[in-house]
């Protein structure tokens, strides 16, 4: 286990240095510089005193906005991570600092935590993957002990399966498809498909190794034909989007009479664009496009399997309070989209780790709403100048979410809370674009206009324009009387005037520009399609 922890620490530490924004390190054991540990009889005892505000919580109060409501987990310092909802709307989540599974009932607003009797005292594990099965069981991954756990919600019993692994394995995301359980082995260089009857102890498995040595195997998604799509990549060196045709493979195995066949004839690989360095989350939208979140930038990408073309999208910049920049070292703050899923309305949902946001993108209207989570932990941002610590600064490490109807439930790994975004709450602003698209030649500049319309709001709100581009050769410049920040009043319309230009060295292609407004609790924006000829 120590070897695995070192690998993951080095990998994510490199991300930390390249971006100058602190992020959580999966599988990381805290560095114990000071042996002072005050025994409390709670999971906080797994951390020395001087690290408890960093890992357990900096603020024990639940907070809320018009869109987000938080709940404090009764047990101190559980480090909640993977989360899923059941058919009744109950929310289940893993506790990485206790080994337990917990349930939250949204009706009674009560927690139930189920003790795992076989969990070793003081054990900690990043549990990234979770899913709810039709038989009422909850399955989740455990990277420290290379395990897959099954919890029966009927008899409240845990069962453990050993994950087929070597020293470098890290079973991460998990999805149940019939009698199959699909798992990506993040550092083990493979995708694993377990064939398991949900009432049976016998397990068979198929492992699909990566074609790239020492690469990462990240999240996966199934298309309408049950092909499994996932990514293999090397840190800051690129990689491939991979499609595995599992149905044809299984039919070929069945017809051949062999137990296994070479996989190469059933796999297609597509080179990732050079801008996409850390593809983690992956999902399909209703129109058949594949979407990938990039965790070393503020971008996410669409992929059209027919044209084999990627298009890069971008989020709003993180709010200043998420990173603080008290030392002045953060030159280009990024939002880090992490996981991405689709909901039953055809929208995409993703968590922006270092922007402290849960975001909803509508591919049909090309709109983006970024809901800001109010709790922040200053130990994970540049919030301390040495003389003072900024108020309302930092991030809560929102590492997972689940969708149930209009609600998006999420975990706050370092704040010991779960929260919910209510997407049915009306937004206070609307963005009206002059046009959904614009064409530019290299070296050309055109004017572009949009209008921000407000509905009824109680008080004037501090607002900041969202003017985000994906490439340096695309530029946006305010003109006339437009300003980047202003007070937003109730029932008003504010015209925004821009110059949009492409530099002389602009590369021809299709690009996305994000235009909108960022308020204290939510950002509302729309994408403009820019075609450079």
Protein backbone atom coordinates (compact mmCIF):
# COMPACT_ATOMS: atom_id res chain seq x y z
CA UNK A 1 0.00 0.00 0.00
CA UNK A 2 2.88 2.35 0.70
CA UNK A 3 4.12 2.03 -2.88
CA UNK A 4 0.70 2.98 -4.24
CA UNK A 5 0.44 6.00 -1.96
CA UNK A 6 3.84 7.27 -3.11
CA UNK A 7 2.87 6.96 -6.80
CA UNK A 8 -0.40 8.83 -6.43
CA UNK A 9 1.19 11.50 -4.24
CA UNK A 10 3.87 12.17 -6.84
CA UNK A 11 1.32 12.25 -9.68
CA UNK A 12 -1.07 14.68 -8.06
CA UNK A 13 1.78 16.63 -6.51
CA UNK A 14 2.99 17.35 -10.03
CA UNK A 15 -0.44 18.74 -10.87
CA UNK A 16 -0.24 20.90 -7.77
CA UNK A 17 3.11 22.39 -8.80
CA UNK A 18 2.04 23.00 -12.38
CA UNK A 19 -1.08 24.95 -11.43
CA UNK A 20 -0.09 26.47 -8.06
CA UNK A 21 -3.52 25.64 -6.66
CA UNK A 22 -3.74 23.07 -3.87
CA UNK A 23 -5.84 19.98 -4.53
CA UNK A 24 -6.56 16.83 -2.57
CA UNK A 25 -4.32 13.83 -3.11
CA UNK A 26 -6.26 10.57 -3.52
CA UNK A 27 -4.94 7.88 -1.21
CA UNK A 28 -2.73 10.35 0.63
CA UNK A 29 -1.87 9.72 4.23
CA UNK A 30 -1.29 13.01 6.08
CA UNK A 31 2.30 14.00 6.72
CA UNK A 32 2.77 13.78 10.47
CA UNK A 33 5.25 16.51 11.34
CA UNK A 34 3.97 16.96 14.88
CA UNK A 35 3.21 13.92 17.04
CA UNK A 36 0.62 15.77 19.13
CA UNK A 37 -2.63 13.84 18.86
CA UNK A 38 -5.43 14.64 21.26
CA UNK A 39 -7.53 11.50 21.65
CA UNK A 40 -11.20 12.31 21.07
CA UNK A 41 -12.62 8.86 20.39
CA UNK A 42 -13.69 10.05 16.93
CA UNK A 43 -12.24 9.50 13.44
CA UNK A 44 -10.36 12.79 13.92
CA UNK A 45 -7.84 10.73 15.89
CA UNK A 46 -6.45 9.53 12.53
CA UNK A 47 -4.96 13.02 12.12
CA UNK A 48 -2.54 14.99 14.30
CA UNK A 49 -4.02 18.06 15.96
CA UNK A 50 -2.43 20.53 13.55
CA UNK A 51 -4.04 18.86 10.52
CA UNK A 52 -7.59 18.49 11.78
CA UNK A 53 -8.93 21.75 10.39
CA UNK A 54 -7.38 20.82 7.06
CA UNK A 55 -8.88 17.33 6.77
CA UNK A 56 -11.79 17.30 9.23
CA UNK A 57 -13.46 20.71 8.80
CA UNK A 58 -12.63 24.36 9.17
CA UNK A 59 -16.25 25.32 9.88
CA UNK A 60 -18.79 23.00 11.50
CA UNK A 61 -21.79 25.11 10.46
CA UNK A 62 -23.99 24.08 7.55
CA UNK A 63 -24.43 26.94 5.09
CA UNK A 64 -26.93 27.67 2.36
CA UNK A 65 -27.71 29.94 -0.59
CA UNK A 66 -30.82 30.29 -2.72
CA UNK A 67 -29.64 27.27 -4.70
CA UNK A 68 -27.50 25.16 -2.32
CA UNK A 69 -28.22 23.63 1.08
CA UNK A 70 -25.61 21.84 3.23
CA UNK A 71 -25.88 19.25 5.99
CA UNK A 72 -23.22 18.43 8.60
CA UNK A 73 -22.47 14.73 9.10
CA UNK A 74 -23.01 13.87 12.81
CA UNK A 75 -19.76 11.90 13.18
CA UNK A 76 -16.70 14.12 13.17
CA UNK A 77 -14.10 13.86 10.40
CA UNK A 78 -15.58 11.15 8.17
CA UNK A 79 -14.16 12.48 4.85
CA UNK A 80 -17.22 11.70 2.66
CA UNK A 81 -16.45 10.87 -0.94
CA UNK A 82 -18.43 8.67 -3.40
CA UNK A 83 -22.18 9.34 -3.38
CA UNK A 84 -25.25 7.79 -5.04
CA UNK A 85 -29.03 8.04 -4.69
CA UNK A 86 -31.46 5.12 -4.55
CA UNK A 87 -34.87 4.82 -6.20
CA UNK A 88 -36.61 6.46 -3.23
CA UNK A 89 -34.32 9.49 -3.26
CA UNK A 90 -32.24 8.47 -0.24
CA UNK A 91 -28.58 9.44 -0.57
CA UNK A 92 -25.78 6.94 0.19
CA UNK A 93 -22.13 7.93 0.54
CA UNK A 94 -18.80 6.45 1.57
CA UNK A 95 -16.72 7.69 4.50
CA UNK A 96 -13.05 7.40 3.61
CA UNK A 97 -11.84 7.99 7.17
CA UNK A 98 -14.08 5.35 8.78
CA UNK A 99 -14.66 2.64 6.15
CA UNK A 100 -18.39 3.03 6.71
CA UNK A 101 -21.31 3.60 4.39
CA UNK A 102 -23.84 6.26 5.40
CA UNK A 103 -27.37 7.16 4.32
CA UNK A 104 -29.11 10.52 4.34
CA UNK A 105 -32.92 10.69 4.23
CA UNK A 106 -33.90 13.98 2.52
CA UNK A 107 -37.44 13.81 3.91
CA UNK A 108 -36.52 13.57 7.59
CA UNK A 109 -33.10 15.18 7.01
CA UNK A 110 -31.43 12.51 9.15
CA UNK A 111 -28.21 10.52 8.77
CA UNK A 112 -27.67 6.82 9.43
CA UNK A 113 -24.09 5.54 9.50
CA UNK A 114 -23.53 1.79 9.19
CA UNK A 115 -20.47 0.48 10.99
CA UNK A 116 -18.26 -1.80 8.94
CA UNK A 117 -17.25 -4.49 11.49
CA UNK A 118 -14.30 -5.79 9.45
CA UNK A 119 -12.69 -2.42 8.87
CA UNK A 120 -9.28 -2.16 10.58
CA UNK A 121 -8.95 0.43 13.38
CA UNK A 122 -7.52 3.64 12.02
CA UNK A 123 -7.88 2.46 8.42
CA UNK A 124 -8.35 5.07 5.70
CA UNK A 125 -9.14 4.60 2.02
CA UNK A 126 -10.24 6.74 -0.90
CA UNK A 127 -13.55 5.22 -2.04
CA UNK A 128 -14.17 6.84 -5.43
CA UNK A 129 -16.76 4.55 -6.97
CA UNK A 130 -20.29 3.71 -5.85
CA UNK A 131 -23.53 2.42 -7.39
CA UNK A 132 -26.95 1.23 -6.25
CA UNK A 133 -28.14 -2.17 -7.49
CA UNK A 134 -31.74 -3.23 -8.24
CA UNK A 135 -31.65 -5.78 -5.39
CA UNK A 136 -31.19 -2.99 -2.84
CA UNK A 137 -27.45 -3.37 -2.38
CA UNK A 138 -24.83 -0.62 -2.57
CA UNK A 139 -21.45 -1.44 -4.12
CA UNK A 140 -18.33 0.70 -3.69
CA UNK A 141 -14.59 0.61 -4.34
CA UNK A 142 -11.77 0.73 -1.79
CA UNK A 143 -8.30 1.63 -3.08
CA UNK A 144 -6.25 1.02 0.08
CA UNK A 145 -7.25 -2.62 0.49
CA UNK A 146 -7.88 -3.35 -3.23
CA UNK A 147 -11.47 -4.29 -2.51
CA UNK A 148 -15.00 -4.09 -3.83
CA UNK A 149 -17.58 -3.85 -1.08
CA UNK A 150 -21.24 -4.84 -1.19
CA UNK A 151 -23.62 -3.50 1.46
CA UNK A 152 -27.10 -4.97 1.68
CA UNK A 153 -29.60 -2.28 2.60
CA UNK A 154 -32.04 -5.05 3.58
CA UNK A 155 -30.01 -6.92 6.22
CA UNK A 156 -27.41 -4.15 6.72
CA UNK A 157 -24.48 -6.50 6.15
CA UNK A 158 -21.17 -5.87 4.42
CA UNK A 159 -19.46 -8.34 2.05
CA UNK A 160 -16.01 -7.85 0.59
CA UNK A 161 -14.64 -8.98 -2.78
CA UNK A 162 -10.92 -8.87 -3.52
CA UNK A 163 -10.17 -6.77 -6.58
CA UNK A 164 -7.88 -8.48 -9.12
CA UNK A 165 -4.80 -6.38 -8.62
CA UNK A 166 -1.09 -6.00 -8.36
CA UNK A 167 0.91 -3.56 -6.23
CA UNK A 168 -0.08 -0.55 -8.35
CA UNK A 169 -3.84 -1.10 -8.57
CA UNK A 170 -6.33 1.59 -7.60
CA UNK A 171 -9.94 0.54 -8.27
CA UNK A 172 -11.73 3.84 -8.79
CA UNK A 173 -15.13 4.48 -10.42
CA UNK A 174 -17.75 1.71 -10.42
CA UNK A 175 -20.92 1.10 -12.42
CA UNK A 176 -23.44 -1.75 -12.30
CA UNK A 177 -24.82 -2.94 -15.65
CA UNK A 178 -27.03 -6.00 -15.17
CA UNK A 179 -24.81 -8.73 -13.74
CA UNK A 180 -21.68 -6.79 -14.69
CA UNK A 181 -19.71 -4.42 -12.52
CA UNK A 182 -17.38 -2.19 -14.52
CA UNK A 183 -14.39 -0.62 -12.74
CA UNK A 184 -11.48 1.46 -13.97
CA UNK A 185 -8.15 0.64 -12.36
CA UNK A 186 -6.69 4.16 -12.23
CA UNK A 187 -3.04 3.24 -11.64
CA UNK A 188 -3.30 -0.45 -12.54
CA UNK A 189 -3.34 0.27 -16.28
CA UNK A 190 -6.58 -1.59 -17.04
CA UNK A 191 -10.36 -1.59 -17.16
CA UNK A 192 -11.98 -4.50 -15.31
CA UNK A 193 -15.38 -6.05 -15.98
CA UNK A 194 -16.62 -8.29 -13.19
CA UNK A 195 -19.34 -10.80 -14.06
CA UNK A 196 -21.13 -11.32 -10.78
CA UNK A 197 -24.64 -12.46 -9.96
CA UNK A 198 -25.88 -9.96 -7.39
CA UNK A 199 -27.00 -12.85 -5.17
CA UNK A 200 -24.01 -15.09 -5.84
CA UNK A 201 -20.48 -15.21 -4.45
CA UNK A 202 -18.89 -16.52 -7.66
CA UNK A 203 -17.12 -13.85 -9.69
CA UNK A 204 -15.50 -13.98 -13.13
CA UNK A 205 -13.68 -11.03 -14.59
CA UNK A 206 -12.21 -9.65 -17.79
CA UNK A 207 -9.37 -7.13 -17.64
CA UNK A 208 -8.66 -4.88 -20.62
CA UNK A 209 -5.04 -3.69 -20.40
CA UNK A 210 -3.92 -0.33 -21.71
CA UNK A 211 -1.82 -0.17 -24.84
CA UNK A 212 0.28 2.54 -23.16
CA UNK A 213 2.78 1.34 -20.54
CA UNK A 214 2.57 3.01 -17.12
CA UNK A 215 -0.49 5.00 -18.13
CA UNK A 216 -3.62 5.91 -16.21
CA UNK A 217 -6.99 4.31 -16.95
CA UNK A 218 -9.66 6.88 -16.09
CA UNK A 219 -13.48 7.02 -16.00
CA UNK A 220 -15.70 5.21 -18.51
CA UNK A 221 -19.12 5.50 -20.17
CA UNK A 222 -21.38 3.20 -22.19
CA UNK A 223 -22.95 4.24 -25.49
CA UNK A 224 -26.35 3.10 -26.80
CA UNK A 225 -24.76 -0.08 -28.22
CA UNK A 226 -23.09 -0.97 -24.88
CA UNK A 227 -19.63 -0.13 -26.18
CA UNK A 228 -17.42 0.98 -23.26
CA UNK A 229 -15.51 4.23 -23.76
CA UNK A 230 -12.66 5.29 -21.48
CA UNK A 231 -9.31 7.08 -21.57
CA UNK A 232 -5.70 5.95 -21.20
CA UNK A 233 -3.19 8.73 -20.67
CA UNK A 234 0.21 9.71 -19.34
CA UNK A 235 0.58 12.73 -17.10
CA UNK A 236 1.17 15.85 -19.25
CA UNK A 237 1.98 13.64 -22.26
CA UNK A 238 -1.45 12.99 -23.75
CA UNK A 239 -3.14 9.70 -24.47
CA UNK A 240 -6.08 8.02 -26.16
CA UNK A 241 -9.82 7.77 -26.02
CA UNK A 242 -10.62 4.06 -26.25
CA UNK A 243 -13.77 2.22 -27.39
CA UNK A 244 -14.21 -1.45 -26.45
CA UNK A 245 -16.92 -3.35 -28.36
CA UNK A 246 -17.80 -5.77 -25.61
CA UNK A 247 -20.81 -7.35 -27.34
CA UNK A 248 -18.85 -8.37 -30.43
CA UNK A 249 -16.06 -9.64 -28.19
CA UNK A 250 -18.39 -11.80 -26.11
CA UNK A 251 -20.12 -13.16 -29.21
CA UNK A 252 -16.76 -14.03 -30.73
CA UNK A 253 -15.66 -15.79 -27.54
CA UNK A 254 -18.92 -17.72 -27.42
CA UNK A 255 -18.65 -18.83 -31.06
CA UNK A 256 -14.99 -19.77 -30.79
CA UNK A 257 -15.34 -21.97 -27.74
CA UNK A 258 -12.28 -20.25 -26.25
CA UNK A 259 -12.33 -18.64 -22.83
CA UNK A 260 -10.49 -15.51 -24.06
CA UNK A 261 -9.58 -13.97 -27.40
CA UNK A 262 -7.09 -11.23 -28.31
CA UNK A 263 -8.72 -7.88 -27.59
CA UNK A 264 -7.06 -5.85 -30.34
CA UNK A 265 -9.77 -6.57 -32.94
CA UNK A 266 -12.46 -5.20 -30.66
CA UNK A 267 -10.80 -1.93 -29.63
CA UNK A 268 -10.65 1.45 -31.39
CA UNK A 269 -8.42 4.24 -30.13
CA UNK A 270 -8.55 7.98 -30.89
CA UNK A 271 -5.70 10.34 -30.03
CA UNK A 272 -6.70 12.96 -27.48
CA UNK A 273 -6.20 16.62 -28.46
CA UNK A 274 -2.99 18.16 -27.13
CA UNK A 275 -5.01 20.55 -24.92
CA UNK A 276 -6.64 17.62 -23.07
CA UNK A 277 -4.04 16.51 -20.54
CA UNK A 278 -5.97 15.00 -17.62
CA UNK A 279 -9.24 13.43 -18.78
CA UNK A 280 -11.11 12.12 -15.76
CA UNK A 281 -14.91 12.25 -16.03
CA UNK A 282 -16.62 10.97 -19.19
CA UNK A 283 -20.28 10.65 -20.24
CA UNK A 284 -22.66 10.72 -23.21
CA UNK A 285 -25.33 13.34 -23.88
CA UNK A 286 -28.68 12.47 -25.44
CA UNK A 287 -27.50 13.49 -28.91
CA UNK A 288 -24.76 10.83 -28.84
CA UNK A 289 -21.85 13.19 -28.23
CA UNK A 290 -19.21 12.05 -25.76
CA UNK A 291 -18.07 14.57 -23.13
CA UNK A 292 -14.79 14.54 -21.21
CA UNK A 293 -13.74 16.68 -18.22
CA UNK A 294 -10.13 17.89 -18.02
CA UNK A 295 -8.79 18.24 -14.49
CA UNK A 296 -5.65 20.24 -15.29
CA UNK A 297 -7.49 23.16 -16.86
CA UNK A 298 -10.83 24.96 -16.90
CA UNK A 299 -12.00 22.96 -19.91
CA UNK A 300 -14.23 20.11 -20.92
CA UNK A 301 -14.51 18.59 -24.39
CA UNK A 302 -17.10 17.08 -26.70
CA UNK A 303 -16.24 14.24 -29.10
CA UNK A 304 -18.25 13.31 -32.18
CA UNK A 305 -17.56 9.65 -32.98
CA UNK A 306 -18.84 10.07 -36.57
CA UNK A 307 -16.52 12.94 -37.50
CA UNK A 308 -13.89 11.95 -34.89
CA UNK A 309 -13.60 15.62 -33.92
CA UNK A 310 -13.12 17.14 -30.47
CA UNK A 311 -14.44 20.59 -29.50
CA UNK A 312 -13.10 22.36 -26.43
CA UNK A 313 -15.40 24.20 -24.00
CA UNK A 314 -14.43 26.39 -21.05
CA UNK A 315 -15.88 27.37 -17.66
CA UNK A 316 -15.92 30.76 -15.99
CA UNK A 317 -12.81 31.66 -14.01
CA UNK A 318 -12.93 30.60 -10.33
CA UNK A 319 -14.13 33.24 -7.90
CA UNK A 320 -11.30 35.00 -6.10
CA UNK A 321 -12.39 33.57 -2.74
CA UNK A 322 -11.64 30.02 -3.85
CA UNK A 323 -7.91 30.61 -4.25
CA UNK A 324 -7.19 33.91 -2.41
CA UNK A 325 -3.76 34.50 -3.96
CA UNK A 326 -2.36 35.95 -0.74
CA UNK A 327 1.19 35.07 -1.76
CA UNK A 328 0.73 36.34 -5.31
CA UNK A 329 1.89 33.08 -6.91
CA UNK A 330 -1.38 32.16 -8.66
CA UNK A 331 -1.23 33.77 -12.08
CA UNK A 332 -3.89 31.73 -13.87
CA UNK A 333 -6.46 30.13 -11.55
CA UNK A 334 -8.30 27.16 -13.06
CA UNK A 335 -11.59 25.47 -12.18
CA UNK A 336 -10.60 21.78 -12.66
CA UNK A 337 -13.71 19.99 -13.98
CA UNK A 338 -13.49 16.51 -12.45
CA UNK A 339 -16.37 14.03 -13.00
CA UNK A 340 -19.17 14.55 -15.52
CA UNK A 341 -22.59 12.84 -15.85
CA UNK A 342 -25.85 13.38 -17.74
CA UNK A 343 -29.27 13.84 -16.13
CA UNK A 344 -32.78 12.81 -17.25
CA UNK A 345 -33.33 16.22 -18.87
CA UNK A 346 -30.42 15.83 -21.27
CA UNK A 347 -28.16 18.18 -19.31
CA UNK A 348 -24.55 17.59 -18.31
CA UNK A 349 -23.51 17.93 -14.66
CA UNK A 350 -19.90 18.25 -13.50
CA UNK A 351 -18.00 19.31 -10.40
CA UNK A 352 -15.40 22.08 -10.67
CA UNK A 353 -12.98 21.05 -7.94
CA UNK A 354 -10.97 24.24 -7.42
CA UNK A 355 -13.83 26.60 -8.28
CA UNK A 356 -16.01 25.04 -5.54
CA UNK A 357 -18.86 24.69 -8.03
CA UNK A 358 -21.44 22.20 -9.20
CA UNK A 359 -22.16 23.04 -12.82
CA UNK A 360 -24.95 22.26 -15.28
CA UNK A 361 -24.44 22.53 -19.03
CA UNK A 362 -27.33 22.26 -21.51
CA UNK A 363 -25.92 21.03 -24.86
CA UNK A 364 -29.11 22.03 -26.70
CA UNK A 365 -29.19 25.67 -25.56
CA UNK A 366 -25.40 25.84 -25.14
CA UNK A 367 -25.88 27.38 -21.69
CA UNK A 368 -23.81 26.89 -18.54
CA UNK A 369 -24.94 27.47 -14.94
CA UNK A 370 -22.27 27.20 -12.23
CA UNK A 371 -23.65 26.89 -8.69
CA UNK A 372 -21.23 28.05 -6.00
CA UNK A 373 -20.97 25.95 -2.83
CA UNK A 374 -20.78 28.22 0.25
CA UNK A 375 -18.48 26.18 2.54
CA UNK A 376 -14.76 26.65 2.00
CA UNK A 377 -11.68 25.32 3.77
CA UNK A 378 -8.82 27.87 3.75
CA UNK A 379 -6.20 25.14 4.14
CA UNK A 380 -6.75 24.21 0.46
CA UNK A 381 -6.31 27.66 -1.06
CA UNK A 382 -3.74 30.45 -1.01
CA UNK A 383 -5.65 32.14 1.81
CA UNK A 384 -2.91 32.88 4.36
CA UNK A 385 -0.46 35.75 3.83
CA UNK A 386 1.37 34.98 7.08
CA UNK A 387 -0.26 38.03 8.66
CA UNK A 388 -3.92 37.28 8.10
CA UNK A 389 -6.19 34.55 6.76
CA UNK A 390 -8.85 35.66 4.32
CA UNK A 391 -12.46 35.07 5.34
CA UNK A 392 -14.60 32.90 3.05
CA UNK A 393 -11.56 31.56 1.23
CA UNK A 394 -10.60 28.08 0.10
CA UNK A 395 -12.36 25.01 -1.26
CA UNK A 396 -14.37 22.16 0.28
CA UNK A 397 -12.96 19.47 -2.09
CA UNK A 398 -16.25 18.56 -3.78
CA UNK A 399 -15.12 15.22 -5.14
CA UNK A 400 -18.35 13.51 -6.14
CA UNK A 401 -22.03 14.08 -6.88
CA UNK A 402 -25.19 12.18 -7.75
CA UNK A 403 -28.30 13.31 -9.60
CA UNK A 404 -31.89 12.63 -8.52
CA UNK A 405 -34.50 14.52 -10.51
CA UNK A 406 -33.92 18.26 -10.12
CA UNK A 407 -31.52 17.73 -7.19
CA UNK A 408 -27.75 17.28 -7.38
CA UNK A 409 -26.27 15.85 -4.17
CA UNK A 410 -22.55 16.19 -3.48
CA UNK A 411 -19.91 15.50 -0.84
CA UNK A 412 -17.43 17.91 0.74
CA UNK A 413 -14.39 15.77 1.52
CA UNK A 414 -12.59 18.19 3.87
CA UNK A 415 -15.65 19.85 5.42
CA UNK A 416 -17.47 16.72 6.68
CA UNK A 417 -20.67 17.75 4.92
CA UNK A 418 -22.95 16.76 2.12
CA UNK A 419 -24.99 19.27 0.15
CA UNK A 420 -27.65 19.58 -2.50
CA UNK A 421 -28.18 21.89 -5.46
CA UNK A 422 -31.81 22.53 -6.39
CA UNK A 423 -31.77 23.22 -10.13
CA UNK A 424 -35.51 24.00 -10.15
CA UNK A 425 -34.92 27.34 -8.39
CA UNK A 426 -35.36 30.16 -10.96
CA UNK A 427 -32.18 31.94 -11.95
CA UNK A 428 -31.93 35.69 -11.27
CA UNK A 429 -30.48 36.53 -14.70
CA UNK A 430 -30.81 35.57 -18.33
CA UNK A 431 -28.25 35.94 -21.13
CA UNK A 432 -29.48 36.99 -24.57
CA UNK A 433 -26.86 36.71 -27.31
CA UNK A 434 -26.85 38.77 -30.48
CA UNK A 435 -26.10 35.52 -32.28
CA UNK A 436 -25.19 31.96 -31.34
CA UNK A 437 -22.25 31.95 -33.74
CA UNK A 438 -19.70 34.17 -35.44
CA UNK A 439 -17.17 33.65 -38.25
CA UNK A 440 -13.72 35.20 -38.23
CA UNK A 441 -10.73 35.12 -40.51
CA UNK A 442 -7.23 35.05 -39.05
CA UNK A 443 -6.32 38.60 -38.06
CA UNK A 444 -9.94 39.78 -38.20
CA UNK A 445 -11.93 41.68 -35.53
CA UNK A 446 -15.71 41.94 -35.28
CA UNK A 447 -18.08 43.52 -32.81
CA UNK A 448 -20.38 41.30 -30.77
CA UNK A 449 -23.15 42.21 -28.33
CA UNK A 450 -25.19 40.47 -25.64
CA UNK A 451 -27.71 41.54 -23.02
CA UNK A 452 -27.96 40.60 -19.34
CA UNK A 453 -31.58 40.67 -18.17
CA UNK A 454 -32.41 40.46 -14.47
CA UNK A 455 -35.56 39.26 -12.77
CA UNK A 456 -36.74 40.34 -9.34
CA UNK A 457 -33.83 40.36 -6.88
CA UNK A 458 -33.99 41.64 -3.32
CA UNK A 459 -30.84 43.76 -3.28
CA UNK A 460 -28.19 44.89 -5.74
CA UNK A 461 -25.56 42.21 -6.33
CA UNK A 462 -21.84 42.43 -7.01
CA UNK A 463 -21.34 41.02 -10.49
CA UNK A 464 -18.43 40.22 -12.77
CA UNK A 465 -18.63 39.53 -16.47
CA UNK A 466 -17.73 36.07 -17.71
CA UNK A 467 -15.53 36.43 -20.78
CA UNK A 468 -13.75 33.09 -21.27
CA UNK A 469 -11.96 31.71 -24.32
CA UNK A 470 -10.29 28.38 -24.96
CA UNK A 471 -7.27 29.57 -26.96
CA UNK A 472 -4.82 32.46 -26.75
CA UNK A 473 -5.43 33.41 -30.38
CA UNK A 474 -9.05 34.32 -29.54
CA UNK A 475 -9.42 37.69 -27.78
CA UNK A 476 -12.34 39.52 -26.18
CA UNK A 477 -12.23 43.26 -25.48
CA UNK A 478 -14.94 45.41 -23.92
CA UNK A 479 -15.88 48.54 -25.86
CA UNK A 480 -18.11 51.60 -25.50
CA UNK A 481 -19.43 51.94 -21.95
CA UNK A 482 -19.24 48.24 -21.01
CA UNK A 483 -17.41 47.44 -17.78
CA UNK A 484 -16.17 44.15 -16.39
CA UNK A 485 -17.71 44.58 -12.91
CA UNK A 486 -20.77 46.44 -11.71
CA UNK A 487 -23.76 46.32 -9.34
CA UNK A 488 -26.65 44.33 -10.73
CA UNK A 489 -30.05 45.82 -9.98
CA UNK A 490 -33.51 44.26 -10.06
CA UNK A 491 -35.57 44.19 -13.28
CA UNK A 492 -32.96 45.71 -15.55
CA UNK A 493 -31.33 45.06 -18.91
CA UNK A 494 -27.63 45.67 -19.35
CA UNK A 495 -26.13 45.65 -22.87
CA UNK A 496 -22.54 44.42 -23.17
CA UNK A 497 -20.46 45.42 -26.18
CA UNK A 498 -17.36 43.48 -27.26
CA UNK A 499 -14.70 43.26 -29.87
CA UNK A 500 -14.02 39.62 -30.74
CA UNK A 501 -10.83 38.98 -32.66
CA UNK A 502 -8.58 36.24 -33.98
CA UNK A 503 -4.84 36.82 -34.13
CA UNK A 504 -2.83 36.45 -37.33
CA UNK A 505 -1.61 33.01 -36.25
CA UNK A 506 -5.10 31.71 -35.38
CA UNK A 507 -5.67 28.11 -36.44
CA UNK A 508 -8.76 27.39 -38.54
CA UNK A 509 -11.44 25.36 -36.80
CA UNK A 510 -14.49 25.51 -34.53
CA UNK A 511 -14.13 27.04 -31.08
CA UNK A 512 -16.27 28.07 -28.12
CA UNK A 513 -16.35 31.38 -26.26
CA UNK A 514 -18.26 31.71 -22.96
CA UNK A 515 -20.14 34.95 -22.24
CA UNK A 516 -22.21 35.70 -19.15
CA UNK A 517 -22.21 37.01 -15.60
CA UNK A 518 -20.85 35.76 -12.30
CA UNK A 519 -22.82 36.55 -9.13
CA UNK A 520 -21.84 35.64 -5.55
CA UNK A 521 -23.85 32.38 -5.58
CA UNK A 522 -24.19 31.47 -9.26
CA UNK A 523 -22.76 32.15 -12.70
CA UNK A 524 -25.00 32.15 -15.77
CA UNK A 525 -23.42 32.04 -19.24
CA UNK A 526 -23.86 30.95 -22.85
CA UNK A 527 -21.46 29.61 -25.43
CA UNK A 528 -20.86 31.32 -28.77
CA UNK A 529 -19.55 29.12 -31.57
CA UNK A 530 -16.58 30.78 -33.29
CA UNK A 531 -15.56 29.50 -36.72
CA UNK A 532 -12.12 30.57 -37.95
CA UNK A 533 -11.67 30.13 -41.69
